[in-house]
Protein backbone atom coordinates (compact mmCIF):
# COMPACT_ATOMS: atom_id res chain seq x y z
CA UNK A 1 4.64 7.55 -47.58
CA UNK A 2 3.36 5.63 -50.46
CA UNK A 3 -0.23 5.80 -51.86
CA UNK A 4 -2.52 3.08 -51.00
CA UNK A 5 -4.71 1.73 -53.94
CA UNK A 6 -7.96 -0.06 -53.38
CA UNK A 7 -7.83 -2.54 -56.11
CA UNK A 8 -11.19 -3.68 -57.56
CA UNK A 9 -13.31 -0.75 -56.02
CA UNK A 10 -15.74 -0.74 -58.71
CA UNK A 11 -16.47 -4.41 -58.18
CA UNK A 12 -16.92 -3.95 -54.44
CA UNK A 13 -19.31 -1.16 -54.98
CA UNK A 14 -21.41 -3.07 -57.52
CA UNK A 15 -22.15 -6.02 -55.03
CA UNK A 16 -22.36 -4.29 -51.93
CA UNK A 17 -24.08 -5.74 -48.84
CA UNK A 18 -27.06 -3.52 -47.38
CA UNK A 19 -27.18 -1.81 -44.07
CA UNK A 20 -30.26 -0.55 -42.23
CA UNK A 21 -30.05 3.10 -41.68
CA UNK A 22 -33.36 3.98 -40.60
CA UNK A 23 -32.95 2.86 -36.94
CA UNK A 24 -29.73 1.96 -35.03
CA UNK A 25 -28.80 0.97 -31.44
CA UNK A 26 -25.22 2.54 -31.27
CA UNK A 27 -22.45 1.02 -29.11
CA UNK A 28 -18.88 1.82 -28.90
CA UNK A 29 -17.13 -1.61 -28.76
CA UNK A 30 -15.28 -0.90 -31.99
CA UNK A 31 -13.27 1.82 -30.00
CA UNK A 32 -12.43 -0.72 -27.24
CA UNK A 33 -8.58 -1.23 -26.46
CA UNK A 34 -6.79 -3.73 -24.25
CA UNK A 35 -4.91 -2.60 -21.13
CA UNK A 36 -5.80 0.17 -18.45
CA UNK A 37 -6.16 3.80 -18.39
CA UNK A 38 -7.85 5.70 -20.86
CA UNK A 39 -8.07 7.07 -24.57
CA UNK A 40 -9.65 10.42 -25.48
CA UNK A 41 -10.72 12.07 -28.59
CA UNK A 42 -12.61 15.09 -29.59
CA UNK A 43 -15.48 13.38 -31.59
CA UNK A 44 -16.56 10.03 -32.91
CA UNK A 45 -19.14 9.15 -35.84
CA UNK A 46 -21.29 5.85 -35.65
CA UNK A 47 -24.24 4.80 -37.61
CA UNK A 48 -24.55 7.89 -39.31
CA UNK A 49 -24.59 9.88 -36.20
CA UNK A 50 -21.83 12.37 -34.70
CA UNK A 51 -20.74 12.34 -31.04
CA UNK A 52 -18.99 15.43 -30.21
CA UNK A 53 -17.60 17.42 -27.03
CA UNK A 54 -17.65 21.21 -26.69
CA UNK A 55 -14.43 21.26 -24.75
CA UNK A 56 -15.66 24.36 -23.19
CA UNK A 57 -16.03 23.51 -19.51
CA UNK A 58 -14.22 25.83 -16.76
CA UNK A 59 -11.40 23.07 -16.60
CA UNK A 60 -10.61 22.96 -20.37
CA UNK A 61 -10.90 19.08 -21.30
CA UNK A 62 -9.54 16.24 -22.95
CA UNK A 63 -12.88 15.61 -24.84
CA UNK A 64 -14.78 12.31 -25.09
CA UNK A 65 -12.80 9.26 -23.95
CA UNK A 66 -13.22 5.58 -23.16
CA UNK A 67 -11.78 3.27 -20.42
CA UNK A 68 -9.62 0.48 -21.88
CA UNK A 69 -10.96 -2.92 -21.31
CA UNK A 70 -8.84 -3.90 -18.20
CA UNK A 71 -9.44 -0.86 -16.26
CA UNK A 72 -11.58 -0.88 -13.29
CA UNK A 73 -13.61 2.12 -14.31
CA UNK A 74 -14.55 0.15 -17.29
CA UNK A 75 -18.29 -0.95 -17.19
CA UNK A 76 -18.90 -4.70 -16.35
CA UNK A 77 -19.14 -6.71 -19.50
CA UNK A 78 -15.85 -6.40 -21.25
CA UNK A 79 -15.06 -4.82 -24.72
CA UNK A 80 -18.86 -5.08 -25.72
CA UNK A 81 -19.68 -2.43 -22.98
CA UNK A 82 -17.03 -0.04 -23.88
CA UNK A 83 -18.89 3.46 -22.96
CA UNK A 84 -18.14 7.29 -23.83
CA UNK A 85 -17.57 9.83 -21.34
CA UNK A 86 -16.47 13.37 -21.12
CA UNK A 87 -13.42 13.27 -19.24
CA UNK A 88 -13.50 16.52 -17.75
CA UNK A 89 -16.48 17.89 -15.52
CA UNK A 90 -18.86 20.36 -17.08
CA UNK A 91 -18.03 19.71 -20.78
CA UNK A 92 -21.08 18.84 -22.87
CA UNK A 93 -21.57 15.90 -25.40
CA UNK A 94 -23.79 16.51 -28.37
CA UNK A 95 -25.39 14.12 -30.60
CA UNK A 96 -26.30 15.24 -34.33
CA UNK A 97 -27.20 13.42 -37.29
CA UNK A 98 -24.26 13.54 -40.19
CA UNK A 99 -25.47 15.72 -42.98
CA UNK A 100 -28.28 17.45 -40.73
CA UNK A 101 -31.91 16.38 -40.67
CA UNK A 102 -34.19 15.24 -37.74
CA UNK A 103 -33.78 12.13 -35.63
CA UNK A 104 -35.12 10.98 -32.34
CA UNK A 105 -33.64 8.96 -29.30
CA UNK A 106 -35.59 6.26 -27.44
CA UNK A 107 -33.05 4.93 -24.84
CA UNK A 108 -29.62 4.77 -23.43
CA UNK A 109 -27.57 3.14 -20.91
CA UNK A 110 -25.77 5.07 -18.11
CA UNK A 111 -23.29 4.34 -15.53
CA UNK A 112 -21.20 5.95 -13.07
CA UNK A 113 -17.97 7.62 -14.46
CA UNK A 114 -15.75 5.42 -12.37
CA UNK A 115 -15.49 3.41 -9.17
CA UNK A 116 -17.37 4.83 -6.22
CA UNK A 117 -15.54 6.54 -3.63
CA UNK A 118 -16.54 7.03 -0.06
CA UNK A 119 -19.10 9.46 0.56
CA UNK A 120 -20.63 9.33 -2.79
CA UNK A 121 -24.42 9.75 -3.05
CA UNK A 122 -26.35 6.50 -3.66
CA UNK A 123 -27.69 8.06 -6.82
CA UNK A 124 -27.14 11.14 -9.14
CA UNK A 125 -29.27 12.82 -11.85
CA UNK A 126 -28.13 13.04 -15.56
CA UNK A 127 -30.16 15.64 -17.67
CA UNK A 128 -30.68 15.44 -21.39
CA UNK A 129 -31.67 18.37 -23.56
CA UNK A 130 -33.14 17.79 -27.03
CA UNK A 131 -33.41 20.70 -29.52
CA UNK A 132 -36.40 20.09 -32.09
CA UNK A 133 -36.46 21.22 -35.56
CA UNK A 134 -38.70 24.25 -34.51
CA UNK A 135 -36.02 25.05 -32.23
CA UNK A 136 -38.06 24.25 -29.04
CA UNK A 137 -36.54 22.10 -26.46
CA UNK A 138 -37.39 19.03 -24.54
CA UNK A 139 -35.67 17.89 -21.38
CA UNK A 140 -35.46 14.74 -19.42
CA UNK A 141 -33.51 13.64 -16.35
CA UNK A 142 -32.74 10.14 -15.32
CA UNK A 143 -31.58 8.93 -11.85
CA UNK A 144 -28.30 6.76 -12.08
CA UNK A 145 -27.45 4.47 -9.29
CA UNK A 146 -23.68 4.52 -8.00
CA UNK A 147 -22.93 1.17 -8.12
CA UNK A 148 -20.08 -0.14 -5.98
CA UNK A 149 -17.18 -1.62 -7.50
CA UNK A 150 -16.81 -1.90 -11.22
CA UNK A 151 -19.64 0.25 -12.93
CA UNK A 152 -22.69 -1.29 -14.15
CA UNK A 153 -24.77 0.11 -17.15
CA UNK A 154 -28.29 0.93 -16.47
CA UNK A 155 -31.02 1.20 -19.23
CA UNK A 156 -33.24 4.53 -19.34
CA UNK A 157 -36.12 5.38 -21.87
CA UNK A 158 -36.88 8.72 -23.42
CA UNK A 159 -40.27 10.12 -23.69
CA UNK A 160 -40.87 12.92 -26.52
CA UNK A 161 -37.38 12.92 -27.82
CA UNK A 162 -38.44 13.13 -31.56
CA UNK A 163 -38.15 15.48 -34.41
CA UNK A 164 -34.63 16.47 -32.98
CA UNK A 165 -31.72 18.34 -34.49
CA UNK A 166 -29.63 17.69 -31.73
CA UNK A 167 -29.30 16.12 -28.15
CA UNK A 168 -26.87 17.22 -25.48
CA UNK A 169 -25.75 16.17 -21.91
CA UNK A 170 -23.28 17.88 -19.63
CA UNK A 171 -20.80 15.92 -17.50
CA UNK A 172 -20.95 16.12 -13.81
CA UNK A 173 -18.07 16.06 -11.21
CA UNK A 174 -16.65 12.85 -10.42
CA UNK A 175 -15.37 13.77 -6.80
CA UNK A 176 -18.82 14.40 -6.03
CA UNK A 177 -20.22 11.22 -7.46
CA UNK A 178 -22.12 12.88 -10.20
CA UNK A 179 -20.03 12.03 -13.37
CA UNK A 180 -21.34 9.37 -15.91
CA UNK A 181 -20.40 7.34 -19.06
CA UNK A 182 -22.72 6.03 -21.61
CA UNK A 183 -23.39 3.36 -24.12
CA UNK A 184 -26.18 1.59 -26.38
CA UNK A 185 -27.89 4.83 -27.57
CA UNK A 186 -31.12 3.67 -29.44
CA UNK A 187 -31.51 6.43 -32.31
CA UNK A 188 -34.05 6.45 -35.13
CA UNK A 189 -34.54 8.41 -38.23
CA UNK A 190 -31.01 7.79 -39.13
CA UNK A 191 -30.02 9.26 -42.64
CA UNK A 192 -32.76 8.30 -44.89
CA UNK A 193 -31.72 10.80 -48.02
CA UNK A 194 -28.65 12.30 -49.13
CA UNK A 195 -25.31 10.47 -49.11
CA UNK A 196 -22.86 9.34 -46.35
CA UNK A 197 -19.36 8.44 -45.70
CA UNK A 198 -17.70 7.23 -42.64
CA UNK A 199 -14.18 6.10 -41.47
CA UNK A 200 -12.96 4.35 -38.51
CA UNK A 201 -9.85 2.56 -37.30
CA UNK A 202 -9.65 -0.48 -35.24
CA UNK A 203 -7.94 1.19 -32.37
CA UNK A 204 -7.31 4.77 -30.84
CA UNK A 205 -3.37 4.23 -30.47
CA UNK A 206 -0.71 2.22 -32.26
CA UNK A 207 2.79 1.44 -31.39
CA UNK A 208 5.76 -0.22 -33.33
CA UNK A 209 4.91 -3.36 -34.75
CA UNK A 210 1.08 -2.73 -34.71
CA UNK A 211 -0.98 -2.92 -37.77
CA UNK A 212 -3.00 -0.01 -38.40
CA UNK A 213 -6.60 -1.38 -39.77
CA UNK A 214 -9.35 0.77 -41.24
CA UNK A 215 -12.17 -1.03 -39.77
CA UNK A 216 -14.81 1.17 -41.47
CA UNK A 217 -14.93 2.67 -44.77
CA UNK A 218 -18.52 3.29 -45.26
CA UNK A 219 -20.51 4.90 -48.34
CA UNK A 220 -24.10 5.14 -48.57
CA UNK A 221 -26.78 6.87 -50.64
CA UNK A 222 -30.11 6.98 -48.90
CA UNK A 223 -31.82 8.77 -51.70
CA UNK A 224 -34.43 7.20 -54.32
CA UNK A 225 -32.12 7.99 -57.29
CA UNK A 226 -28.33 7.28 -58.09
CA UNK A 227 -26.13 10.04 -57.06
CA UNK A 228 -22.85 11.28 -59.06
CA UNK A 229 -20.21 11.68 -56.44
CA UNK A 230 -16.64 12.52 -56.17
CA UNK A 231 -15.13 10.35 -53.60
CA UNK A 232 -12.12 11.34 -51.54
CA UNK A 233 -10.38 9.30 -48.85
CA UNK A 234 -6.88 10.33 -47.38
CA UNK A 235 -4.47 9.70 -44.58
CA UNK A 236 -3.06 12.45 -42.85
CA UNK A 237 0.25 12.67 -40.54
CA UNK A 238 1.71 14.76 -37.68
CA UNK A 239 3.99 16.66 -40.33
CA UNK A 240 1.14 17.94 -42.40
CA UNK A 241 1.48 15.59 -45.21
CA UNK A 242 -1.67 13.82 -46.74
CA UNK A 243 -1.51 10.39 -48.49
CA UNK A 244 -4.20 9.84 -51.08
CA UNK A 245 -6.31 6.28 -50.30
CA UNK A 246 -9.04 6.77 -52.64
CA UNK A 247 -9.80 9.56 -55.24
CA UNK A 248 -12.42 8.68 -57.77
CA UNK A 249 -15.37 10.32 -59.69
CA UNK A 250 -14.14 13.95 -60.39
CA UNK A 251 -15.64 13.49 -64.10
CA UNK A 252 -19.13 12.46 -62.66
CA UNK A 253 -18.90 8.89 -63.55
CA UNK A 254 -18.92 7.20 -60.07
CA UNK A 255 -22.69 6.63 -59.01
CA UNK A 256 -23.92 5.63 -55.54
CA UNK A 257 -26.91 3.70 -56.59
CA UNK A 258 -30.29 4.43 -54.77
CA UNK A 259 -30.36 2.54 -51.46
CA UNK A 260 -26.65 1.57 -51.71
CA UNK A 261 -25.04 1.18 -48.19
CA UNK A 262 -21.70 -0.75 -47.82
CA UNK A 263 -18.66 -0.92 -45.63
CA UNK A 264 -15.31 -1.67 -47.67
CA UNK A 265 -13.29 -2.54 -44.34
CA UNK A 266 -11.61 -4.02 -42.75
CA UNK A 267 -8.52 -3.17 -44.67
CA UNK A 268 -4.96 -3.13 -43.19
CA UNK A 269 -3.28 0.38 -44.02
CA UNK A 270 0.34 -0.07 -43.10
CA UNK A 271 2.21 -1.80 -40.10
CA UNK A 272 3.84 0.85 -37.70
CA UNK A 273 7.62 1.02 -37.66
CA UNK A 274 10.19 3.15 -35.89
CA UNK A 275 10.33 5.28 -39.08
CA UNK A 276 6.70 6.81 -38.40
CA UNK A 277 6.65 10.15 -36.71
CA UNK A 278 4.75 9.98 -33.25
CA UNK A 279 1.67 11.96 -33.08
CA UNK A 280 -1.69 12.42 -34.11
CA UNK A 281 -2.92 10.84 -37.54
CA UNK A 282 -6.21 10.90 -39.20
CA UNK A 283 -8.32 8.88 -41.78
CA UNK A 284 -10.69 11.03 -43.32
CA UNK A 285 -13.36 10.94 -46.37
CA UNK A 286 -15.32 13.42 -48.23
CA UNK A 287 -18.00 13.25 -50.89
CA UNK A 288 -18.40 16.09 -53.30
CA UNK A 289 -20.79 17.25 -56.04
CA UNK A 290 -18.60 16.67 -58.91
CA UNK A 291 -19.51 19.84 -61.08
CA UNK A 292 -19.92 22.43 -58.25
CA UNK A 293 -17.28 20.82 -55.55
CA UNK A 294 -20.03 21.28 -52.97
CA UNK A 295 -19.26 19.01 -49.68
CA UNK A 296 -22.21 16.21 -49.82
CA UNK A 297 -20.71 14.27 -46.57
CA UNK A 298 -17.60 14.14 -44.67
CA UNK A 299 -15.96 12.00 -41.83
CA UNK A 300 -12.65 12.12 -39.75
CA UNK A 301 -11.17 9.62 -37.50
CA UNK A 302 -8.16 10.56 -35.65
CA UNK A 303 -5.60 7.96 -33.97
CA UNK A 304 -2.25 8.18 -32.02
CA UNK A 305 1.00 6.59 -32.75
CA UNK A 306 3.00 6.53 -29.69
């Protein structure tokens, strides 16, 4: 597979548009797909925060998922209301800040996992557990309404969920009417120091004729001084081979300016043809300290060619 080259990268980096990193209401509309059914994956990164699944429930698990836009289990409102959920009962979702550090969560939207069945309770609880920097915990439970028909997102407000290093929530059981999906996560204290890289593609799966687009290729330096950084971005395929998209700064010549924050996407990587192996792919980035090789930040986004 041919190497993809970003022409004029230095020019783009020099005239980057700023992003706000101190606070964010994160939604998952960029994960939306047309059609029906679901798409699943182990983790996703948004606005400097990682959403991961432990996949360790008693039933194994498919990890975090979304309903496609036309599915009756998708919340009312179309692509913008695309929500994350644990596909399998008792799996746990955890939110952490990329690169470590503390943060807060002030609000979240919740809805029933899928359409209500006969015998479901009118409401069900969802408990959140926050772990603070001193390793004490704070808990809060919200009561979600099982809305008939297509699910409706409902907004809930947290109290005391600050100075956190993680927030977790365990999936309920759909057949008992206690499973949920979530969106519009209001997070505070996003990365304010250090560097960040973030990758995303515009869909979770592609077929012949589709263009695979790198929707997010984000680099940031939230520190007060310029940071010398070795930047690596690559594309991985099912047969284990990697194609370099970007590899600069090994000699310490690439500086991320103080306060720098930009997204180089969208960029079309390639068009899927019959020659591409079917299976799982990834687009990943890593920022390294040029002299020691220490990993300063990393991100991985997986997708499927089917």
